[in-house]
Amino acid sequence: AELGDLQRRVSQALHAVTGCAKTYIIQFAEHPDHPHVHFHIVPRMANQPAERRSVNIFSCLGVAETERLGEDEMNSVGAQIREFLQD
């Protein structure tokens, strides 16, 4: 129950901070060099192109620098999420 609650809270934080339309919770647990379970909670923006939604969200990993948040912006988002979760 605690994991589900945490995932829900992180999703709520992403909605509040980024204004995303929804979040994807993705689980990985199969890489032989990483024998553990981990989750990615990925925001999907309302204006996200259809070809970068659902399982194709990972195509965003290869986008140009100009399409990414800068380091300062990422730090700001991270701080806002942390603050949201502490409330």
PDB file of N, CA and C in Angstrom:
ATOM      1  N   ALA A   1       0.824  -1.195   0.000  1.00  0.00           N
ATOM      2  CA  ALA A   1       0.000   0.000   0.000  1.00  0.00           C
ATOM      3  C   ALA A   1       0.870   1.262   0.000  1.00  0.00           C
ATOM      4  N   GLU A   2       2.003   1.228   0.695  1.00  0.00           N
ATOM      5  CA  GLU A   2       2.850   2.417   0.770  1.00  0.00           C
ATOM      6  C   GLU A   2       3.423   2.796  -0.591  1.00  0.00           C
ATOM      7  N   LEU A   3       3.826   1.799  -1.379  1.00  0.00           N
ATOM      8  CA  LEU A   3       4.380   2.082  -2.703  1.00  0.00           C
ATOM      9  C   LEU A   3       3.331   2.738  -3.591  1.00  0.00           C
ATOM     10  N   GLY A   4       2.132   2.198  -3.589  1.00  0.00           N
ATOM     11  CA  GLY A   4       1.050   2.779  -4.381  1.00  0.00           C
ATOM     12  C   GLY A   4       0.736   4.199  -3.955  1.00  0.00           C
ATOM     13  N   ASP A   5       0.735   4.441  -2.648  1.00  0.00           N
ATOM     14  CA  ASP A   5       0.487   5.793  -2.142  1.00  0.00           C
ATOM     15  C   ASP A   5       1.580   6.759  -2.600  1.00  0.00           C
ATOM     16  N   LEU A   6       2.826   6.310  -2.542  1.00  0.00           N
ATOM     17  CA  LEU A   6       3.937   7.157  -2.976  1.00  0.00           C
ATOM     18  C   LEU A   6       3.839   7.452  -4.474  1.00  0.00           C
ATOM     19  N   GLN A   7       3.520   6.437  -5.272  1.00  0.00           N
ATOM     20  CA  GLN A   7       3.378   6.653  -6.716  1.00  0.00           C
ATOM     21  C   GLN A   7       2.261   7.655  -7.005  1.00  0.00           C
ATOM     22  N   ARG A   8       1.159   7.542  -6.279  1.00  0.00           N
ATOM     23  CA  ARG A   8       0.042   8.469  -6.459  1.00  0.00           C
ATOM     24  C   ARG A   8       0.467   9.887  -6.090  1.00  0.00           C
ATOM     25  N   ARG A   9       1.184  10.051  -4.982  1.00  0.00           N
ATOM     26  CA  ARG A   9       1.628  11.379  -4.551  1.00  0.00           C
ATOM     27  C   ARG A   9       2.617  11.998  -5.548  1.00  0.00           C
ATOM     28  N   VAL A  10       3.538  11.189  -6.059  1.00  0.00           N
ATOM     29  CA  VAL A  10       4.485  11.710  -7.052  1.00  0.00           C
ATOM     30  C   VAL A  10       3.732  12.117  -8.314  1.00  0.00           C
ATOM     31  N   SER A  11       2.745  11.318  -8.724  1.00  0.00           N
ATOM     32  CA  SER A  11       1.926  11.684  -9.884  1.00  0.00           C
ATOM     33  C   SER A  11       1.196  12.999  -9.632  1.00  0.00           C
ATOM     34  N   GLN A  12       0.636  13.154  -8.443  1.00  0.00           N
ATOM     35  CA  GLN A  12      -0.040  14.409  -8.100  1.00  0.00           C
ATOM     36  C   GLN A  12       0.937  15.583  -8.137  1.00  0.00           C
ATOM     37  N   ALA A  13       2.136  15.359  -7.639  1.00  0.00           N
ATOM     38  CA  ALA A  13       3.154  16.415  -7.658  1.00  0.00           C
ATOM     39  C   ALA A  13       3.499  16.804  -9.091  1.00  0.00           C
ATOM     40  N   LEU A  14       3.668  15.823  -9.955  1.00  0.00           N
ATOM     41  CA  LEU A  14       3.977  16.121 -11.357  1.00  0.00           C
ATOM     42  C   LEU A  14       2.844  16.899 -12.011  1.00  0.00           C
ATOM     43  N   HIS A  15       1.597  16.513 -11.738  1.00  0.00           N
ATOM     44  CA  HIS A  15       0.449  17.256 -12.271  1.00  0.00           C
ATOM     45  C   HIS A  15       0.480  18.701 -11.781  1.00  0.00           C
ATOM     46  N   ALA A  16       0.704  18.881 -10.481  1.00  0.00           N
ATOM     47  CA  ALA A  16       0.689  20.223  -9.893  1.00  0.00           C
ATOM     48  C   ALA A  16       1.829  21.098 -10.407  1.00  0.00           C
ATOM     49  N   VAL A  17       3.008  20.515 -10.539  1.00  0.00           N
ATOM     50  CA  VAL A  17       4.205  21.292 -10.887  1.00  0.00           C
ATOM     51  C   VAL A  17       4.332  21.517 -12.387  1.00  0.00           C
ATOM     52  N   THR A  18       4.049  20.485 -13.187  1.00  0.00           N
ATOM     53  CA  THR A  18       4.275  20.594 -14.633  1.00  0.00           C
ATOM     54  C   THR A  18       3.010  20.888 -15.424  1.00  0.00           C
ATOM     55  N   GLY A  19       1.841  20.659 -14.816  1.00  0.00           N
ATOM     56  CA  GLY A  19       0.594  20.821 -15.553  1.00  0.00           C
ATOM     57  C   GLY A  19       0.353  19.704 -16.551  1.00  0.00           C
ATOM     58  N   CYS A  20       1.004  18.575 -16.356  1.00  0.00           N
ATOM     59  CA  CYS A  20       0.867  17.466 -17.306  1.00  0.00           C
ATOM     60  C   CYS A  20      -0.574  16.956 -17.344  1.00  0.00           C
ATOM     61  N   ALA A  21      -0.942  16.355 -18.480  1.00  0.00           N
ATOM     62  CA  ALA A  21      -2.285  15.814 -18.666  1.00  0.00           C
ATOM     63  C   ALA A  21      -2.464  14.495 -17.930  1.00  0.00           C
ATOM     64  N   LYS A  22      -1.394  13.720 -17.862  1.00  0.00           N
ATOM     65  CA  LYS A  22      -1.430  12.440 -17.157  1.00  0.00           C
ATOM     66  C   LYS A  22      -0.013  12.005 -16.869  1.00  0.00           C
ATOM     67  N   THR A  23       0.121  10.922 -16.123  1.00  0.00           N
ATOM     68  CA  THR A  23       1.440  10.354 -15.866  1.00  0.00           C
ATOM     69  C   THR A  23       1.430   8.887 -16.244  1.00  0.00           C
ATOM     70  N   TYR A  24       2.589   8.419 -16.643  1.00  0.00           N
ATOM     71  CA  TYR A  24       2.802   7.000 -16.906  1.00  0.00           C
ATOM     72  C   TYR A  24       3.689   6.462 -15.789  1.00  0.00           C
ATOM     73  N   ILE A  25       3.280   5.353 -15.194  1.00  0.00           N
ATOM     74  CA  ILE A  25       4.115   4.678 -14.202  1.00  0.00           C
ATOM     75  C   ILE A  25       4.640   3.422 -14.868  1.00  0.00           C
ATOM     76  N   ILE A  26       5.956   3.367 -15.016  1.00  0.00           N
ATOM     77  CA  ILE A  26       6.610   2.310 -15.784  1.00  0.00           C
ATOM     78  C   ILE A  26       7.539   1.549 -14.854  1.00  0.00           C
ATOM     79  N   GLN A  27       7.420   0.228 -14.855  1.00  0.00           N
ATOM     80  CA  GLN A  27       8.239  -0.616 -13.979  1.00  0.00           C
ATOM     81  C   GLN A  27       9.248  -1.399 -14.805  1.00  0.00           C
ATOM     82  N   PHE A  28      10.478  -1.463 -14.297  1.00  0.00           N
ATOM     83  CA  PHE A  28      11.516  -2.295 -14.890  1.00  0.00           C
ATOM     84  C   PHE A  28      12.109  -3.180 -13.813  1.00  0.00           C
ATOM     85  N   ALA A  29      12.401  -4.417 -14.181  1.00  0.00           N
ATOM     86  CA  ALA A  29      12.988  -5.338 -13.197  1.00  0.00           C
ATOM     87  C   ALA A  29      13.707  -6.491 -13.877  1.00  0.00           C
ATOM     88  N   GLU A  30      14.261  -6.279 -15.065  1.00  0.00           N
ATOM     89  CA  GLU A  30      14.803  -7.426 -15.775  1.00  0.00           C
ATOM     90  C   GLU A  30      16.274  -7.349 -16.158  1.00  0.00           C
ATOM     91  N   HIS A  31      16.907  -6.232 -15.986  1.00  0.00           N
ATOM     92  CA  HIS A  31      18.298  -6.125 -16.409  1.00  0.00           C
ATOM     93  C   HIS A  31      19.188  -6.932 -15.469  1.00  0.00           C
ATOM     94  N   PRO A  32      20.022  -7.825 -16.006  1.00  0.00           N
ATOM     95  CA  PRO A  32      20.836  -8.688 -15.143  1.00  0.00           C
ATOM     96  C   PRO A  32      21.834  -7.927 -14.269  1.00  0.00           C
ATOM     97  N   ASP A  33      22.237  -6.732 -14.680  1.00  0.00           N
ATOM     98  CA  ASP A  33      23.178  -5.947 -13.880  1.00  0.00           C
ATOM     99  C   ASP A  33      22.494  -5.115 -12.795  1.00  0.00           C
ATOM    100  N   HIS A  34      21.181  -5.102 -12.794  1.00  0.00           N
ATOM    101  CA  HIS A  34      20.414  -4.309 -11.826  1.00  0.00           C
ATOM    102  C   HIS A  34      19.309  -5.181 -11.237  1.00  0.00           C
ATOM    103  N   PRO A  35      19.646  -6.073 -10.305  1.00  0.00           N
ATOM    104  CA  PRO A  35      18.658  -7.026  -9.776  1.00  0.00           C
ATOM    105  C   PRO A  35      17.720  -6.388  -8.745  1.00  0.00           C
ATOM    106  N   HIS A  36      16.932  -5.454  -9.201  1.00  0.00           N
ATOM    107  CA  HIS A  36      15.967  -4.806  -8.328  1.00  0.00           C
ATOM    108  C   HIS A  36      14.832  -4.253  -9.181  1.00  0.00           C
ATOM    109  N   VAL A  37      13.776  -3.868  -8.537  1.00  0.00           N
ATOM    110  CA  VAL A  37      12.640  -3.250  -9.219  1.00  0.00           C
ATOM    111  C   VAL A  37      12.784  -1.740  -9.081  1.00  0.00           C
ATOM    112  N   HIS A  38      12.516  -1.040 -10.159  1.00  0.00           N
ATOM    113  CA  HIS A  38      12.436   0.412 -10.048  1.00  0.00           C
ATOM    114  C   HIS A  38      11.349   0.938 -10.970  1.00  0.00           C
ATOM    115  N   PHE A  39      10.864   2.106 -10.641  1.00  0.00           N
ATOM    116  CA  PHE A  39       9.750   2.711 -11.354  1.00  0.00           C
ATOM    117  C   PHE A  39      10.157   4.075 -11.891  1.00  0.00           C
ATOM    118  N   HIS A  40       9.621   4.383 -13.049  1.00  0.00           N
ATOM    119  CA  HIS A  40       9.730   5.728 -13.612  1.00  0.00           C
ATOM    120  C   HIS A  40       8.314   6.299 -13.599  1.00  0.00           C
ATOM    121  N   ILE A  41       8.159   7.498 -13.120  1.00  0.00           N
ATOM    122  CA  ILE A  41       6.869   8.178 -13.187  1.00  0.00           C
ATOM    123  C   ILE A  41       7.079   9.354 -14.125  1.00  0.00           C
ATOM    124  N   VAL A  42       6.500   9.227 -15.310  1.00  0.00           N
ATOM    125  CA  VAL A  42       6.811  10.114 -16.430  1.00  0.00           C
ATOM    126  C   VAL A  42       5.602  10.993 -16.750  1.00  0.00           C
ATOM    127  N   PRO A  43       5.773  12.305 -16.765  1.00  0.00           N
ATOM    128  CA  PRO A  43       4.656  13.175 -17.127  1.00  0.00           C
ATOM    129  C   PRO A  43       4.404  13.148 -18.635  1.00  0.00           C
ATOM    130  N   ARG A  44       3.121  13.158 -18.999  1.00  0.00           N
ATOM    131  CA  ARG A  44       2.747  13.265 -20.419  1.00  0.00           C
ATOM    132  C   ARG A  44       1.966  14.566 -20.567  1.00  0.00           C
ATOM    133  N   MET A  45       2.524  15.471 -21.339  1.00  0.00           N
ATOM    134  CA  MET A  45       1.933  16.792 -21.487  1.00  0.00           C
ATOM    135  C   MET A  45       0.740  16.746 -22.438  1.00  0.00           C
ATOM    136  N   ALA A  46      -0.184  17.679 -22.291  1.00  0.00           N
ATOM    137  CA  ALA A  46      -1.384  17.723 -23.130  1.00  0.00           C
ATOM    138  C   ALA A  46      -1.032  17.912 -24.601  1.00  0.00           C
ATOM    139  N   ASN A  47       0.010  18.683 -24.877  1.00  0.00           N
ATOM    140  CA  ASN A  47       0.390  18.967 -26.267  1.00  0.00           C
ATOM    141  C   ASN A  47       1.432  17.990 -26.811  1.00  0.00           C
ATOM    142  N   GLN A  48       1.653  16.903 -26.091  1.00  0.00           N
ATOM    143  CA  GLN A  48       2.640  15.910 -26.533  1.00  0.00           C
ATOM    144  C   GLN A  48       2.159  15.251 -27.833  1.00  0.00           C
ATOM    145  N   PRO A  49       2.985  15.215 -28.866  1.00  0.00           N
ATOM    146  CA  PRO A  49       2.573  14.599 -30.125  1.00  0.00           C
ATOM    147  C   PRO A  49       2.188  13.127 -29.930  1.00  0.00           C
ATOM    148  N   ALA A  50       1.221  12.673 -30.699  1.00  0.00           N
ATOM    149  CA  ALA A  50       0.730  11.293 -30.590  1.00  0.00           C
ATOM    150  C   ALA A  50       1.853  10.275 -30.744  1.00  0.00           C
ATOM    151  N   GLU A  51       2.836  10.589 -31.584  1.00  0.00           N
ATOM    152  CA  GLU A  51       3.933   9.638 -31.808  1.00  0.00           C
ATOM    153  C   GLU A  51       4.898   9.567 -30.624  1.00  0.00           C
ATOM    154  N   ARG A  52       4.692  10.396 -29.612  1.00  0.00           N
ATOM    155  CA  ARG A  52       5.524  10.355 -28.397  1.00  0.00           C
ATOM    156  C   ARG A  52       4.683  10.059 -27.155  1.00  0.00           C
ATOM    157  N   ARG A  53       3.578   9.365 -27.349  1.00  0.00           N
ATOM    158  CA  ARG A  53       2.717   8.981 -26.230  1.00  0.00           C
ATOM    159  C   ARG A  53       2.775   7.475 -26.017  1.00  0.00           C
ATOM    160  N   SER A  54       2.221   7.039 -24.900  1.00  0.00           N
ATOM    161  CA  SER A  54       2.157   5.617 -24.542  1.00  0.00           C
ATOM    162  C   SER A  54       3.569   5.033 -24.526  1.00  0.00           C
ATOM    163  N   VAL A  55       3.757   3.846 -25.099  1.00  0.00           N
ATOM    164  CA  VAL A  55       5.084   3.222 -25.061  1.00  0.00           C
ATOM    165  C   VAL A  55       6.117   4.027 -25.838  1.00  0.00           C
ATOM    166  N   ASN A  56       5.665   4.887 -26.719  1.00  0.00           N
ATOM    167  CA  ASN A  56       6.590   5.715 -27.495  1.00  0.00           C
ATOM    168  C   ASN A  56       7.128   6.902 -26.700  1.00  0.00           C
ATOM    169  N   ILE A  57       6.739   7.018 -25.442  1.00  0.00           N
ATOM    170  CA  ILE A  57       7.252   8.095 -24.591  1.00  0.00           C
ATOM    171  C   ILE A  57       8.774   8.044 -24.527  1.00  0.00           C
ATOM    172  N   PHE A  58       9.339   6.836 -24.671  1.00  0.00           N
ATOM    173  CA  PHE A  58      10.788   6.699 -24.582  1.00  0.00           C
ATOM    174  C   PHE A  58      11.514   7.313 -25.773  1.00  0.00           C
ATOM    175  N   SER A  59      10.797   7.644 -26.835  1.00  0.00           N
ATOM    176  CA  SER A  59      11.443   8.345 -27.948  1.00  0.00           C
ATOM    177  C   SER A  59      11.882   9.740 -27.507  1.00  0.00           C
ATOM    178  N   CYS A  60      11.338  10.226 -26.414  1.00  0.00           N
ATOM    179  CA  CYS A  60      11.749  11.534 -25.882  1.00  0.00           C
ATOM    180  C   CYS A  60      13.174  11.502 -25.342  1.00  0.00           C
ATOM    181  N   LEU A  61      13.695  10.316 -25.069  1.00  0.00           N
ATOM    182  CA  LEU A  61      15.060  10.223 -24.553  1.00  0.00           C
ATOM    183  C   LEU A  61      16.091  10.701 -25.568  1.00  0.00           C
ATOM    184  N   GLY A  62      15.763  10.646 -26.837  1.00  0.00           N
ATOM    185  CA  GLY A  62      16.720  11.026 -27.858  1.00  0.00           C
ATOM    186  C   GLY A  62      16.478  12.387 -28.481  1.00  0.00           C
ATOM    187  N   VAL A  63      15.689  13.232 -27.835  1.00  0.00           N
ATOM    188  CA  VAL A  63      15.384  14.528 -28.445  1.00  0.00           C
ATOM    189  C   VAL A  63      16.574  15.480 -28.344  1.00  0.00           C
ATOM    190  N   ALA A  64      16.563  16.472 -29.199  1.00  0.00           N
ATOM    191  CA  ALA A  64      17.641  17.464 -29.239  1.00  0.00           C
ATOM    192  C   ALA A  64      17.676  18.282 -27.949  1.00  0.00           C
ATOM    193  N   GLU A  65      18.848  18.795 -27.626  1.00  0.00           N
ATOM    194  CA  GLU A  65      19.026  19.636 -26.427  1.00  0.00           C
ATOM    195  C   GLU A  65      18.013  20.773 -26.383  1.00  0.00           C
ATOM    196  N   THR A  66      17.697  21.332 -27.542  1.00  0.00           N
ATOM    197  CA  THR A  66      16.792  22.479 -27.595  1.00  0.00           C
ATOM    198  C   THR A  66      15.373  22.114 -27.183  1.00  0.00           C
ATOM    199  N   GLU A  67      15.029  20.821 -27.212  1.00  0.00           N
ATOM    200  CA  GLU A  67      13.693  20.370 -26.819  1.00  0.00           C
ATOM    201  C   GLU A  67      13.632  19.951 -25.351  1.00  0.00           C
ATOM    202  N   ARG A  68      14.748  19.944 -24.667  1.00  0.00           N
ATOM    203  CA  ARG A  68      14.811  19.492 -23.274  1.00  0.00           C
ATOM    204  C   ARG A  68      14.776  20.676 -22.317  1.00  0.00           C
ATOM    205  N   LEU A  69      14.432  20.373 -21.082  1.00  0.00           N
ATOM    206  CA  LEU A  69      14.592  21.381 -20.033  1.00  0.00           C
ATOM    207  C   LEU A  69      16.070  21.561 -19.755  1.00  0.00           C
ATOM    208  N   GLY A  70      16.462  22.772 -19.463  1.00  0.00           N
ATOM    209  CA  GLY A  70      17.838  23.020 -19.062  1.00  0.00           C
ATOM    210  C   GLY A  70      18.053  22.573 -17.624  1.00  0.00           C
ATOM    211  N   GLU A  71      19.308  22.543 -17.211  1.00  0.00           N
ATOM    212  CA  GLU A  71      19.634  22.075 -15.864  1.00  0.00           C
ATOM    213  C   GLU A  71      18.960  22.923 -14.786  1.00  0.00           C
ATOM    214  N   ASP A  72      18.943  24.237 -14.962  1.00  0.00           N
ATOM    215  CA  ASP A  72      18.296  25.106 -13.977  1.00  0.00           C
ATOM    216  C   ASP A  72      16.802  24.813 -13.879  1.00  0.00           C
ATOM    217  N   GLU A  73      16.165  24.604 -15.032  1.00  0.00           N
ATOM    218  CA  GLU A  73      14.736  24.282 -15.038  1.00  0.00           C
ATOM    219  C   GLU A  73      14.473  22.935 -14.370  1.00  0.00           C
ATOM    220  N   MET A  74      15.318  21.937 -14.669  1.00  0.00           N
ATOM    221  CA  MET A  74      15.155  20.625 -14.031  1.00  0.00           C
ATOM    222  C   MET A  74      15.305  20.736 -12.524  1.00  0.00           C
ATOM    223  N   ASN A  75      16.286  21.499 -12.075  1.00  0.00           N
ATOM    224  CA  ASN A  75      16.482  21.690 -10.636  1.00  0.00           C
ATOM    225  C   ASN A  75      15.274  22.374 -10.003  1.00  0.00           C
ATOM    226  N   SER A  76      14.704  23.335 -10.698  1.00  0.00           N
ATOM    227  CA  SER A  76      13.525  24.031 -10.194  1.00  0.00           C
ATOM    228  C   SER A  76      12.333  23.079 -10.083  1.00  0.00           C
ATOM    229  N   VAL A  77      12.107  22.286 -11.116  1.00  0.00           N
ATOM    230  CA  VAL A  77      11.014  21.302 -11.086  1.00  0.00           C
ATOM    231  C   VAL A  77      11.234  20.321  -9.941  1.00  0.00           C
ATOM    232  N   GLY A  78      12.453  19.836  -9.801  1.00  0.00           N
ATOM    233  CA  GLY A  78      12.765  18.904  -8.717  1.00  0.00           C
ATOM    234  C   GLY A  78      12.493  19.503  -7.348  1.00  0.00           C
ATOM    235  N   ALA A  79      12.876  20.752  -7.158  1.00  0.00           N
ATOM    236  CA  ALA A  79      12.649  21.427  -5.875  1.00  0.00           C
ATOM    237  C   ALA A  79      11.156  21.599  -5.605  1.00  0.00           C
ATOM    238  N   GLN A  80      10.402  21.929  -6.640  1.00  0.00           N
ATOM    239  CA  GLN A  80       8.956  22.100  -6.476  1.00  0.00           C
ATOM    240  C   GLN A  80       8.276  20.771  -6.147  1.00  0.00           C
ATOM    241  N   ILE A  81       8.724  19.694  -6.789  1.00  0.00           N
ATOM    242  CA  ILE A  81       8.172  18.367  -6.494  1.00  0.00           C
ATOM    243  C   ILE A  81       8.499  17.981  -5.054  1.00  0.00           C
ATOM    244  N   ARG A  82       9.730  18.195  -4.656  1.00  0.00           N
ATOM    245  CA  ARG A  82      10.147  17.888  -3.280  1.00  0.00           C
ATOM    246  C   ARG A  82       9.288  18.662  -2.278  1.00  0.00           C
ATOM    247  N   GLU A  83       9.071  19.947  -2.546  1.00  0.00           N
ATOM    248  CA  GLU A  83       8.249  20.776  -1.660  1.00  0.00           C
ATOM    249  C   GLU A  83       6.817  20.248  -1.596  1.00  0.00           C
ATOM    250  N   PHE A  84       6.255  19.882  -2.743  1.00  0.00           N
ATOM    251  CA  PHE A  84       4.897  19.333  -2.797  1.00  0.00           C
ATOM    252  C   PHE A  84       4.801  18.073  -1.941  1.00  0.00           C
ATOM    253  N   LEU A  85       5.792  17.215  -2.041  1.00  0.00           N
ATOM    254  CA  LEU A  85       5.766  15.943  -1.316  1.00  0.00           C
ATOM    255  C   LEU A  85       5.954  16.128   0.188  1.00  0.00           C
ATOM    256  N   GLN A  86       6.570  17.216   0.603  1.00  0.00           N
ATOM    257  CA  GLN A  86       6.787  17.462   2.029  1.00  0.00           C
ATOM    258  C   GLN A  86       5.550  18.021   2.720  1.00  0.00           C
ATOM    259  N   ASP A  87       4.609  18.529   1.955  1.00  0.00           N
ATOM    260  CA  ASP A  87       3.369  19.080   2.545  1.00  0.00           C
ATOM    261  C   ASP A  87       2.465  17.979   3.046  1.00  0.00           C
TER     262      ASP A  87
END
